[in-house]
Amino acid sequence: MLIDVRTYTCRPGTLKKHLALYEKLGKSPQTRCLGQPLAFMTTETGDVNQYMHIWVYADAADRERRRATQWSDPEWLAYVEESGKLGALEKQENRLMSPVGFFPPPK
């Protein structure tokens, strides 16, 4: 199992606009290609201009296949273009992680 933890930082004052754009244009193609995320969350403490989403894949090949499908989807590409025009994103971090053996992996 491979877990993709993605953290995004928006310019101050743009998080709500960015998430509204994602809900309108990005959510449908992304979930169609990647499936449902394990979590999609905003920050309550710390950097309140950040949000995080977590995706679960069988392995690196599964991740690569699903993400290739996403990046060939015209609706996803239209969302990415509109997101760029909005200019809300400042930074993206992602970590690929594997569960430890003594805790069951998420389902």
Protein backbone atom coordinates (compact mmCIF):
# COMPACT_ATOMS: atom_id res chain seq x y z
CA MET A 1 0.00 0.00 0.00
CA LEU A 2 1.21 3.49 -0.87
CA ILE A 3 -0.26 6.61 0.74
CA ASP A 4 0.13 9.98 -1.00
CA VAL A 5 -0.09 12.85 1.50
CA ARG A 6 -0.41 16.18 -0.31
CA THR A 7 -0.28 19.58 1.43
CA TYR A 8 -1.02 22.80 -0.43
CA THR A 9 -0.45 26.37 0.74
CA CYS A 10 -2.56 29.18 -0.68
CA ARG A 11 -1.88 32.89 -0.70
CA PRO A 12 -3.59 34.55 2.29
CA GLY A 13 -7.23 35.28 1.59
CA THR A 14 -7.54 32.84 -1.36
CA LEU A 15 -8.15 29.45 0.26
CA LYS A 16 -11.96 29.61 0.10
CA LYS A 17 -11.91 30.74 -3.54
CA HIS A 18 -9.46 27.98 -4.43
CA LEU A 19 -11.50 25.26 -2.71
CA ALA A 20 -14.72 26.55 -4.32
CA LEU A 21 -13.06 26.30 -7.74
CA TYR A 22 -11.86 22.77 -6.93
CA GLU A 23 -15.35 21.73 -5.82
CA LYS A 24 -16.89 23.17 -9.01
CA LEU A 25 -14.34 21.98 -11.61
CA GLY A 26 -11.71 19.69 -10.07
CA LYS A 27 -13.44 17.29 -7.70
CA SER A 28 -15.40 15.34 -10.29
CA PRO A 29 -12.56 14.55 -12.70
CA GLN A 30 -10.07 13.92 -9.90
CA THR A 31 -12.26 11.45 -8.04
CA ARG A 32 -13.29 9.82 -11.33
CA CYS A 33 -9.60 9.14 -12.05
CA LEU A 34 -8.15 8.57 -8.57
CA GLY A 35 -11.15 7.33 -6.59
CA GLN A 36 -12.23 8.85 -3.29
CA PRO A 37 -9.51 10.33 -1.08
CA LEU A 38 -8.91 8.94 2.39
CA ALA A 39 -9.19 12.53 3.63
CA PHE A 40 -9.51 16.09 2.29
CA MET A 41 -9.02 18.62 5.11
CA THR A 42 -8.41 22.26 5.91
CA THR A 43 -6.18 23.46 8.74
CA GLU A 44 -7.68 24.62 12.04
CA THR A 45 -4.41 25.42 13.80
CA GLY A 46 -1.02 26.28 12.37
CA ASP A 47 -0.94 27.68 8.85
CA VAL A 48 -4.62 28.38 8.15
CA ASN A 49 -3.80 28.94 4.47
CA GLN A 50 -3.14 25.22 4.00
CA TYR A 51 -5.22 22.21 3.10
CA MET A 52 -4.31 18.56 2.77
CA HIS A 53 -5.61 15.55 0.93
CA ILE A 54 -4.58 11.92 1.26
CA TRP A 55 -4.89 9.27 -1.45
CA VAL A 56 -4.40 5.52 -1.06
CA TYR A 57 -2.95 3.36 -3.84
CA ALA A 58 -2.18 -0.33 -4.04
CA ASP A 59 1.43 0.47 -4.99
CA ALA A 60 3.54 2.88 -7.06
CA ALA A 61 2.34 1.39 -10.35
CA ASP A 62 -1.30 1.89 -9.35
CA ARG A 63 -0.55 5.51 -8.43
CA GLU A 64 1.27 6.12 -11.69
CA ARG A 65 -1.54 4.59 -13.76
CA ARG A 66 -4.32 6.55 -12.04
CA ARG A 67 -2.41 9.83 -12.14
CA ALA A 68 -1.63 9.35 -15.86
CA THR A 69 -5.37 8.92 -16.45
CA GLN A 70 -6.03 12.10 -14.45
CA TRP A 71 -3.48 14.13 -16.44
CA SER A 72 -5.04 13.00 -19.72
CA ASP A 73 -8.57 13.99 -18.62
CA PRO A 74 -9.76 17.19 -20.41
CA GLU A 75 -11.93 18.22 -17.44
CA TRP A 76 -8.96 17.93 -15.08
CA LEU A 77 -6.77 19.95 -17.44
CA ALA A 78 -9.48 22.64 -17.65
CA TYR A 79 -9.53 22.82 -13.84
CA VAL A 80 -5.73 23.10 -13.68
CA GLU A 81 -5.86 25.97 -16.18
CA GLU A 82 -8.53 27.83 -14.19
CA SER A 83 -6.62 27.21 -10.96
CA GLY A 84 -3.53 28.76 -12.55
CA LYS A 85 -5.56 31.80 -13.57
CA LEU A 86 -6.83 32.17 -10.00
CA GLY A 87 -3.24 32.14 -8.78
CA ALA A 88 -4.08 31.02 -5.26
CA LEU A 89 -1.48 28.27 -4.84
CA GLU A 90 1.90 29.25 -3.41
CA LYS A 91 3.37 25.87 -2.54
CA GLN A 92 2.76 22.14 -2.83
CA GLU A 93 4.36 19.37 -0.80
CA ASN A 94 3.70 15.69 -1.14
CA ARG A 95 5.00 12.64 0.65
CA LEU A 96 4.60 9.04 -0.42
CA MET A 97 4.29 6.91 2.70
CA SER A 98 3.80 3.26 3.63
CA PRO A 99 1.95 2.02 6.72
CA VAL A 100 3.91 0.31 9.49
CA GLY A 101 3.20 -3.34 10.23
CA PHE A 102 1.84 -2.89 13.75
CA PHE A 103 -1.15 -0.69 12.74
CA PRO A 104 -3.64 -1.86 10.13
CA PRO A 105 -3.66 0.26 6.96
CA PRO A 106 -6.68 2.44 6.18
CA LYS A 107 -9.39 0.90 4.05
